[in-house]
Amino acid sequence: MELKDKLLRGIYAYGFEKLSAIQERAIMPCIKRHDVITQAQSGTGKTASFLISILQQIVTSIRNCQTLILATTRELAQQTQKVVIALEDFMSAADCYACIGGTNVREDIKKLESGPHVVVGTPGRVSDMITPRARLTGHIKLFVSN
């Protein structure tokens, strides 16, 4: 599997040494932009599977949201954001933002205007952010429901 060198460095730094079964089966189809549905036990690497494929496809020179990840809870959105930040640690140009309820709406709009590459959010807040000013949906290439 050929991944960006800086992404591989982030993967190894995060502690991954060997792909899990779900990662072996899901990463390449995701990178090839196939529709993929994964179902596996908790802790098997599903989140890392889609995040690795997302980070492989990010075009850092484009300052717009390219991937939208919907999470069922604020905690899951924040946890997912932390994994993105860890994996892209060596890809300094990639940017991820957690768009969740319980935070300032104006701050969310301002942050989205800056064009994070990946937005992880809860359904309610993401729905609130689908406005022309927030520029959330115009350049999305990948959508993940987690």
N, C-alpha and C. Protein backbone atom coordinates (compact mmCIF):
# COMPACT_ATOMS: atom_id res chain seq x y z
N MET A 1 0.86 -1.18 0.00
CA MET A 1 0.00 0.00 0.00
C MET A 1 0.90 1.23 0.00
N GLU A 2 0.73 2.07 -1.00
CA GLU A 2 1.57 3.26 -1.10
C GLU A 2 0.85 4.46 -0.51
N LEU A 3 1.36 4.94 0.62
CA LEU A 3 0.80 6.11 1.28
C LEU A 3 1.84 7.23 1.27
N LYS A 4 1.36 8.46 1.45
CA LYS A 4 2.26 9.61 1.54
C LYS A 4 3.26 9.37 2.66
N ASP A 5 4.52 9.73 2.41
CA ASP A 5 5.57 9.52 3.41
C ASP A 5 5.25 10.19 4.74
N LYS A 6 4.77 11.42 4.69
CA LYS A 6 4.47 12.14 5.93
C LYS A 6 3.29 11.51 6.67
N LEU A 7 2.34 10.95 5.94
CA LEU A 7 1.23 10.24 6.57
C LEU A 7 1.75 8.97 7.24
N LEU A 8 2.62 8.23 6.56
CA LEU A 8 3.21 7.03 7.15
C LEU A 8 3.95 7.35 8.44
N ARG A 9 4.68 8.45 8.45
CA ARG A 9 5.39 8.86 9.66
C ARG A 9 4.40 9.10 10.80
N GLY A 10 3.27 9.73 10.49
CA GLY A 10 2.24 9.97 11.50
C GLY A 10 1.62 8.68 12.00
N ILE A 11 1.40 7.74 11.09
CA ILE A 11 0.82 6.44 11.46
C ILE A 11 1.76 5.71 12.42
N TYR A 12 3.05 5.66 12.08
CA TYR A 12 4.02 4.99 12.95
C TYR A 12 4.17 5.71 14.28
N ALA A 13 4.18 7.04 14.25
CA ALA A 13 4.30 7.81 15.49
C ALA A 13 3.09 7.60 16.39
N TYR A 14 1.93 7.35 15.79
CA TYR A 14 0.72 7.11 16.57
C TYR A 14 0.76 5.74 17.24
N GLY A 15 1.64 4.87 16.77
CA GLY A 15 1.81 3.57 17.40
C GLY A 15 1.36 2.39 16.56
N PHE A 16 0.90 2.65 15.35
CA PHE A 16 0.50 1.54 14.47
C PHE A 16 1.75 0.90 13.88
N GLU A 17 1.81 -0.42 13.99
CA GLU A 17 2.91 -1.16 13.38
C GLU A 17 2.41 -2.10 12.31
N LYS A 18 1.21 -2.62 12.50
CA LYS A 18 0.64 -3.58 11.57
C LYS A 18 -0.85 -3.27 11.42
N LEU A 19 -1.35 -3.41 10.19
CA LEU A 19 -2.77 -3.15 9.95
C LEU A 19 -3.62 -4.26 10.56
N SER A 20 -4.78 -3.87 11.07
CA SER A 20 -5.76 -4.86 11.54
C SER A 20 -6.48 -5.42 10.32
N ALA A 21 -7.26 -6.46 10.52
CA ALA A 21 -8.00 -7.09 9.41
C ALA A 21 -8.94 -6.09 8.74
N ILE A 22 -9.65 -5.29 9.53
CA ILE A 22 -10.59 -4.32 8.96
C ILE A 22 -9.83 -3.25 8.18
N GLN A 23 -8.67 -2.85 8.66
CA GLN A 23 -7.86 -1.85 7.96
C GLN A 23 -7.33 -2.40 6.64
N GLU A 24 -6.89 -3.64 6.64
CA GLU A 24 -6.41 -4.27 5.40
C GLU A 24 -7.50 -4.30 4.34
N ARG A 25 -8.72 -4.55 4.77
CA ARG A 25 -9.82 -4.67 3.81
C ARG A 25 -10.44 -3.34 3.42
N ALA A 26 -10.34 -2.31 4.26
CA ALA A 26 -11.09 -1.08 4.01
C ALA A 26 -10.27 0.09 3.45
N ILE A 27 -9.01 0.20 3.78
CA ILE A 27 -8.25 1.40 3.42
C ILE A 27 -8.16 1.59 1.90
N MET A 28 -7.73 0.58 1.17
CA MET A 28 -7.56 0.75 -0.28
C MET A 28 -8.88 1.05 -1.00
N PRO A 29 -9.97 0.35 -0.71
CA PRO A 29 -11.24 0.73 -1.37
C PRO A 29 -11.65 2.17 -1.05
N CYS A 30 -11.38 2.62 0.17
CA CYS A 30 -11.69 4.02 0.52
C CYS A 30 -10.81 4.98 -0.29
N ILE A 31 -9.54 4.67 -0.39
CA ILE A 31 -8.63 5.53 -1.16
C ILE A 31 -9.05 5.58 -2.62
N LYS A 32 -9.55 4.46 -3.13
CA LYS A 32 -10.01 4.40 -4.53
C LYS A 32 -11.40 5.01 -4.70
N ARG A 33 -11.92 5.57 -3.61
CA ARG A 33 -13.21 6.26 -3.58
C ARG A 33 -14.40 5.36 -3.87
N HIS A 34 -14.30 4.12 -3.44
CA HIS A 34 -15.44 3.23 -3.50
C HIS A 34 -16.32 3.52 -2.29
N ASP A 35 -17.60 3.27 -2.41
CA ASP A 35 -18.48 3.36 -1.25
C ASP A 35 -18.16 2.18 -0.35
N VAL A 36 -17.90 2.45 0.91
CA VAL A 36 -17.47 1.39 1.83
C VAL A 36 -18.31 1.47 3.10
N ILE A 37 -18.80 0.32 3.53
CA ILE A 37 -19.48 0.20 4.81
C ILE A 37 -18.68 -0.80 5.63
N THR A 38 -18.26 -0.39 6.83
CA THR A 38 -17.51 -1.29 7.69
C THR A 38 -18.30 -1.54 8.97
N GLN A 39 -18.19 -2.76 9.44
CA GLN A 39 -18.83 -3.12 10.70
C GLN A 39 -17.90 -4.11 11.39
N ALA A 40 -17.48 -3.76 12.59
CA ALA A 40 -16.57 -4.61 13.35
C ALA A 40 -16.66 -4.24 14.82
N GLN A 41 -16.07 -5.08 15.64
CA GLN A 41 -16.05 -4.85 17.08
C GLN A 41 -15.36 -3.52 17.39
N SER A 42 -15.68 -2.97 18.54
CA SER A 42 -15.02 -1.76 19.02
C SER A 42 -13.53 -2.05 19.22
N GLY A 43 -12.70 -1.08 18.84
CA GLY A 43 -11.26 -1.22 19.04
C GLY A 43 -10.52 -1.96 17.95
N THR A 44 -11.18 -2.21 16.81
CA THR A 44 -10.53 -2.97 15.74
C THR A 44 -9.87 -2.08 14.68
N GLY A 45 -10.06 -0.77 14.78
CA GLY A 45 -9.38 0.12 13.85
C GLY A 45 -10.23 0.70 12.75
N LYS A 46 -11.55 0.70 12.94
CA LYS A 46 -12.43 1.26 11.90
C LYS A 46 -12.16 2.75 11.69
N THR A 47 -12.05 3.50 12.77
CA THR A 47 -11.83 4.94 12.66
C THR A 47 -10.51 5.22 11.95
N ALA A 48 -9.46 4.54 12.34
CA ALA A 48 -8.16 4.74 11.68
C ALA A 48 -8.25 4.39 10.20
N SER A 49 -9.05 3.39 9.85
CA SER A 49 -9.20 3.00 8.44
C SER A 49 -9.67 4.17 7.60
N PHE A 50 -10.77 4.80 8.01
CA PHE A 50 -11.27 5.87 7.17
C PHE A 50 -10.42 7.13 7.30
N LEU A 51 -9.81 7.36 8.45
CA LEU A 51 -8.98 8.57 8.59
C LEU A 51 -7.70 8.48 7.76
N ILE A 52 -7.09 7.32 7.71
CA ILE A 52 -5.89 7.14 6.88
C ILE A 52 -6.24 7.38 5.42
N SER A 53 -7.35 6.82 4.98
CA SER A 53 -7.74 7.01 3.57
C SER A 53 -8.09 8.46 3.28
N ILE A 54 -8.70 9.14 4.23
CA ILE A 54 -9.03 10.57 4.06
C ILE A 54 -7.75 11.39 3.95
N LEU A 55 -6.82 11.18 4.87
CA LEU A 55 -5.59 11.97 4.87
C LEU A 55 -4.74 11.69 3.64
N GLN A 56 -4.83 10.49 3.10
CA GLN A 56 -4.12 10.17 1.87
C GLN A 56 -4.66 11.00 0.70
N GLN A 57 -5.94 11.34 0.73
CA GLN A 57 -6.58 12.03 -0.39
C GLN A 57 -6.65 13.54 -0.24
N ILE A 58 -6.33 14.08 0.92
CA ILE A 58 -6.42 15.53 1.14
C ILE A 58 -5.45 16.26 0.22
N VAL A 59 -5.95 17.31 -0.42
CA VAL A 59 -5.10 18.20 -1.22
C VAL A 59 -4.89 19.45 -0.37
N THR A 60 -3.73 19.55 0.26
CA THR A 60 -3.51 20.61 1.24
C THR A 60 -3.46 22.00 0.62
N SER A 61 -3.22 22.09 -0.66
CA SER A 61 -3.18 23.41 -1.31
C SER A 61 -4.58 24.00 -1.50
N ILE A 62 -5.61 23.18 -1.34
CA ILE A 62 -7.00 23.66 -1.44
C ILE A 62 -7.50 23.93 -0.03
N ARG A 63 -7.75 25.20 0.30
CA ARG A 63 -8.17 25.58 1.65
C ARG A 63 -9.69 25.59 1.77
N ASN A 64 -10.28 24.42 1.66
CA ASN A 64 -11.72 24.25 1.86
C ASN A 64 -11.95 22.89 2.49
N CYS A 65 -13.13 22.73 3.08
CA CYS A 65 -13.50 21.44 3.65
C CYS A 65 -13.62 20.41 2.52
N GLN A 66 -12.77 19.39 2.57
CA GLN A 66 -12.80 18.33 1.57
C GLN A 66 -13.45 17.06 2.10
N THR A 67 -13.52 16.95 3.42
CA THR A 67 -14.12 15.77 4.04
C THR A 67 -14.99 16.20 5.20
N LEU A 68 -16.19 15.65 5.24
CA LEU A 68 -17.12 15.87 6.35
C LEU A 68 -17.37 14.54 7.03
N ILE A 69 -17.11 14.50 8.32
CA ILE A 69 -17.34 13.30 9.12
C ILE A 69 -18.43 13.62 10.13
N LEU A 70 -19.53 12.89 10.07
CA LEU A 70 -20.60 13.07 11.05
C LEU A 70 -20.40 12.08 12.17
N ALA A 71 -20.39 12.57 13.39
CA ALA A 71 -20.26 11.73 14.58
C ALA A 71 -21.55 11.84 15.39
N THR A 72 -21.91 10.78 16.06
CA THR A 72 -23.18 10.76 16.79
C THR A 72 -23.15 11.59 18.06
N THR A 73 -21.97 11.79 18.64
CA THR A 73 -21.87 12.55 19.88
C THR A 73 -20.71 13.54 19.82
N ARG A 74 -20.75 14.54 20.70
CA ARG A 74 -19.64 15.49 20.79
C ARG A 74 -18.34 14.78 21.15
N GLU A 75 -18.44 13.84 22.08
CA GLU A 75 -17.25 13.12 22.53
C GLU A 75 -16.60 12.36 21.38
N LEU A 76 -17.42 11.69 20.56
CA LEU A 76 -16.89 10.94 19.42
C LEU A 76 -16.27 11.89 18.40
N ALA A 77 -16.89 13.04 18.18
CA ALA A 77 -16.34 14.03 17.25
C ALA A 77 -14.98 14.53 17.74
N GLN A 78 -14.89 14.84 19.02
CA GLN A 78 -13.62 15.33 19.58
C GLN A 78 -12.54 14.25 19.56
N GLN A 79 -12.94 13.02 19.85
CA GLN A 79 -12.00 11.90 19.82
C GLN A 79 -11.48 11.69 18.39
N THR A 80 -12.38 11.75 17.42
CA THR A 80 -11.99 11.59 16.02
C THR A 80 -11.05 12.70 15.59
N GLN A 81 -11.35 13.93 16.01
CA GLN A 81 -10.47 15.06 15.69
C GLN A 81 -9.06 14.83 16.25
N LYS A 82 -8.98 14.32 17.47
CA LYS A 82 -7.67 14.07 18.08
C LYS A 82 -6.86 13.04 17.29
N VAL A 83 -7.55 12.01 16.77
CA VAL A 83 -6.85 11.00 15.98
C VAL A 83 -6.38 11.60 14.66
N VAL A 84 -7.23 12.42 14.02
CA VAL A 84 -6.81 13.10 12.78
C VAL A 84 -5.56 13.93 13.05
N ILE A 85 -5.58 14.72 14.10
CA ILE A 85 -4.45 15.59 14.42
C ILE A 85 -3.18 14.77 14.67
N ALA A 86 -3.33 13.64 15.35
CA ALA A 86 -2.16 12.79 15.61
C ALA A 86 -1.62 12.17 14.33
N LEU A 87 -2.51 11.66 13.48
CA LEU A 87 -2.07 11.01 12.24
C LEU A 87 -1.45 11.99 11.26
N GLU A 88 -1.96 13.22 11.25
CA GLU A 88 -1.44 14.20 10.29
C GLU A 88 -0.35 15.08 10.90
N ASP A 89 0.20 14.64 11.99
CA ASP A 89 1.20 15.43 12.70
C ASP A 89 2.37 15.87 11.82
N PHE A 90 2.76 15.03 10.88
CA PHE A 90 3.88 15.36 10.00
C PHE A 90 3.42 16.00 8.69
N MET A 91 2.10 16.05 8.48
CA MET A 91 1.52 16.69 7.29
C MET A 91 1.07 18.08 7.71
N SER A 92 1.95 18.91 8.11
CA SER A 92 1.63 20.16 8.80
C SER A 92 0.58 21.03 8.12
N ALA A 93 0.34 20.85 6.85
CA ALA A 93 -0.62 21.71 6.17
C ALA A 93 -2.07 21.24 6.33
N ALA A 94 -2.29 19.99 6.69
CA ALA A 94 -3.66 19.48 6.84
C ALA A 94 -4.27 20.05 8.11
N ASP A 95 -5.56 20.33 8.08
CA ASP A 95 -6.23 20.99 9.19
C ASP A 95 -7.57 20.30 9.46
N CYS A 96 -7.89 20.10 10.73
CA CYS A 96 -9.14 19.44 11.12
C CYS A 96 -9.84 20.28 12.18
N TYR A 97 -11.16 20.37 12.08
CA TYR A 97 -11.94 21.16 13.04
C TYR A 97 -13.13 20.34 13.52
N ALA A 98 -13.38 20.37 14.82
CA ALA A 98 -14.56 19.72 15.41
C ALA A 98 -15.68 20.75 15.51
N CYS A 99 -16.74 20.51 14.81
CA CYS A 99 -17.89 21.42 14.74
C CYS A 99 -19.02 20.77 15.55
N ILE A 100 -19.11 21.16 16.82
CA ILE A 100 -20.02 20.47 17.74
C ILE A 100 -20.89 21.46 18.49
N GLY A 101 -22.02 20.97 18.96
CA GLY A 101 -22.89 21.80 19.78
C GLY A 101 -22.23 22.15 21.10
N GLY A 102 -22.74 23.18 21.74
CA GLY A 102 -22.19 23.60 23.01
C GLY A 102 -21.03 24.57 22.87
N THR A 103 -20.74 24.97 21.64
CA THR A 103 -19.68 25.95 21.38
C THR A 103 -20.30 27.16 20.68
N ASN A 104 -19.53 28.22 20.55
CA ASN A 104 -20.00 29.46 19.96
C ASN A 104 -20.20 29.31 18.45
N VAL A 105 -21.42 29.58 17.96
CA VAL A 105 -21.75 29.44 16.54
C VAL A 105 -20.89 30.38 15.69
N ARG A 106 -20.71 31.60 16.13
CA ARG A 106 -19.90 32.56 15.36
C ARG A 106 -18.46 32.09 15.24
N GLU A 107 -17.95 31.51 16.31
CA GLU A 107 -16.58 30.98 16.27
C GLU A 107 -16.49 29.83 15.26
N ASP A 108 -17.52 28.98 15.24
CA ASP A 108 -17.55 27.88 14.26
C ASP A 108 -17.54 28.43 12.84
N ILE A 109 -18.38 29.42 12.57
CA ILE A 109 -18.44 30.01 11.23
C ILE A 109 -17.08 30.60 10.85
N LYS A 110 -16.46 31.31 11.79
CA LYS A 110 -15.15 31.92 11.53
C LYS A 110 -14.11 30.84 11.21
N LYS A 111 -14.12 29.77 11.99
CA LYS A 111 -13.17 28.69 11.77
C LYS A 111 -13.42 28.01 10.43
N LEU A 112 -14.69 27.80 10.07
CA LEU A 112 -15.00 27.17 8.80
C LEU A 112 -14.63 28.06 7.62
N GLU A 113 -14.71 29.37 7.81
CA GLU A 113 -14.30 30.30 6.75
C GLU A 113 -12.81 30.18 6.43
N SER A 114 -12.03 29.74 7.42
CA SER A 114 -10.58 29.58 7.20
C SER A 114 -10.27 28.33 6.38
N GLY A 115 -11.27 27.48 6.17
CA GLY A 115 -11.11 26.34 5.28
C GLY A 115 -10.38 25.13 5.83
N PRO A 116 -10.83 24.56 6.96
CA PRO A 116 -10.20 23.32 7.41
C PRO A 116 -10.44 22.21 6.39
N HIS A 117 -9.47 21.34 6.20
CA HIS A 117 -9.59 20.27 5.22
C HIS A 117 -10.60 19.20 5.65
N VAL A 118 -10.63 18.93 6.95
CA VAL A 118 -11.52 17.91 7.51
C VAL A 118 -12.37 18.55 8.59
N VAL A 119 -13.68 18.34 8.51
CA VAL A 119 -14.59 18.79 9.56
C VAL A 119 -15.26 17.56 10.15
N VAL A 120 -15.15 17.44 11.46
CA VAL A 120 -15.82 16.38 12.21
C VAL A 120 -16.89 17.07 13.03
N GLY A 121 -18.14 16.63 12.89
CA GLY A 121 -19.18 17.33 13.61
C GLY A 121 -20.37 16.47 13.95
N THR A 122 -21.19 17.03 14.83
CA THR A 122 -22.44 16.39 15.19
C THR A 122 -23.52 16.86 14.22
N PRO A 123 -24.53 16.03 13.98
CA PRO A 123 -25.54 16.37 12.97
C PRO A 123 -26.20 17.74 13.16
N GLY A 124 -26.56 18.09 14.39
CA GLY A 124 -27.24 19.35 14.63
C GLY A 124 -26.38 20.55 14.28
N ARG A 125 -25.14 20.58 14.75
CA ARG A 125 -24.27 21.71 14.48
C ARG A 125 -23.86 21.77 13.01
N VAL A 126 -23.61 20.62 12.41
CA VAL A 126 -23.26 20.62 10.98
C VAL A 126 -24.42 21.18 10.17
N SER A 127 -25.64 20.80 10.53
CA SER A 127 -26.82 21.33 9.85
C SER A 127 -26.88 22.85 9.98
N ASP A 128 -26.57 23.36 11.16
CA ASP A 128 -26.55 24.81 11.39
C ASP A 128 -25.49 25.51 10.54
N MET A 129 -24.42 24.80 10.21
CA MET A 129 -23.29 25.40 9.49
C MET A 129 -23.42 25.32 7.97
N ILE A 130 -24.45 24.68 7.49
CA ILE A 130 -24.63 24.61 6.04
C ILE A 130 -25.25 25.92 5.57
N THR A 131 -24.38 26.93 5.48
CA THR A 131 -24.76 28.27 5.04
C THR A 131 -23.72 28.72 4.02
N PRO A 132 -24.07 29.65 3.14
CA PRO A 132 -23.08 30.14 2.17
C PRO A 132 -21.84 30.73 2.83
N ARG A 133 -22.01 31.42 3.94
CA ARG A 133 -20.87 32.08 4.60
C ARG A 133 -19.88 31.07 5.17
N ALA A 134 -20.38 29.97 5.71
CA ALA A 134 -19.50 28.99 6.35
C ALA A 134 -18.71 28.15 5.34
N ARG A 135 -19.12 28.15 4.09
CA ARG A 135 -18.41 27.41 3.03
C ARG A 135 -18.15 25.96 3.39
N LEU A 136 -19.11 25.31 4.01
CA LEU A 136 -18.87 23.94 4.48
C LEU A 136 -19.01 22.91 3.37
N THR A 137 -19.98 23.05 2.49
CA THR A 137 -20.31 21.95 1.58
C THR A 137 -19.81 22.08 0.15
N GLY A 138 -19.28 23.20 -0.25
CA GLY A 138 -18.95 23.42 -1.65
C GLY A 138 -17.85 22.56 -2.24
N HIS A 139 -16.94 22.03 -1.43
CA HIS A 139 -15.79 21.29 -1.95
C HIS A 139 -15.65 19.89 -1.35
N ILE A 140 -16.69 19.40 -0.71
CA ILE A 140 -16.61 18.09 -0.06
C ILE A 140 -16.46 16.98 -1.10
N LYS A 141 -15.43 16.15 -0.91
CA LYS A 141 -15.19 15.00 -1.77
C LYS A 141 -15.56 13.70 -1.07
N LEU A 142 -15.43 13.72 0.26
CA LEU A 142 -15.66 12.51 1.04
C LEU A 142 -16.61 12.80 2.19
N PHE A 143 -17.52 11.86 2.43
CA PHE A 143 -18.46 11.97 3.54
C PHE A 143 -18.39 10.68 4.33
N VAL A 144 -18.28 10.80 5.64
CA VAL A 144 -18.23 9.63 6.52
C VAL A 144 -19.28 9.80 7.60
N SER A 145 -20.06 8.76 7.81
CA SER A 145 -20.98 8.71 8.94
C SER A 145 -20.39 7.72 9.93
N ASN A 146 -19.99 8.23 11.09
CA ASN A 146 -19.29 7.40 12.06
C ASN A 146 -20.21 7.07 13.22
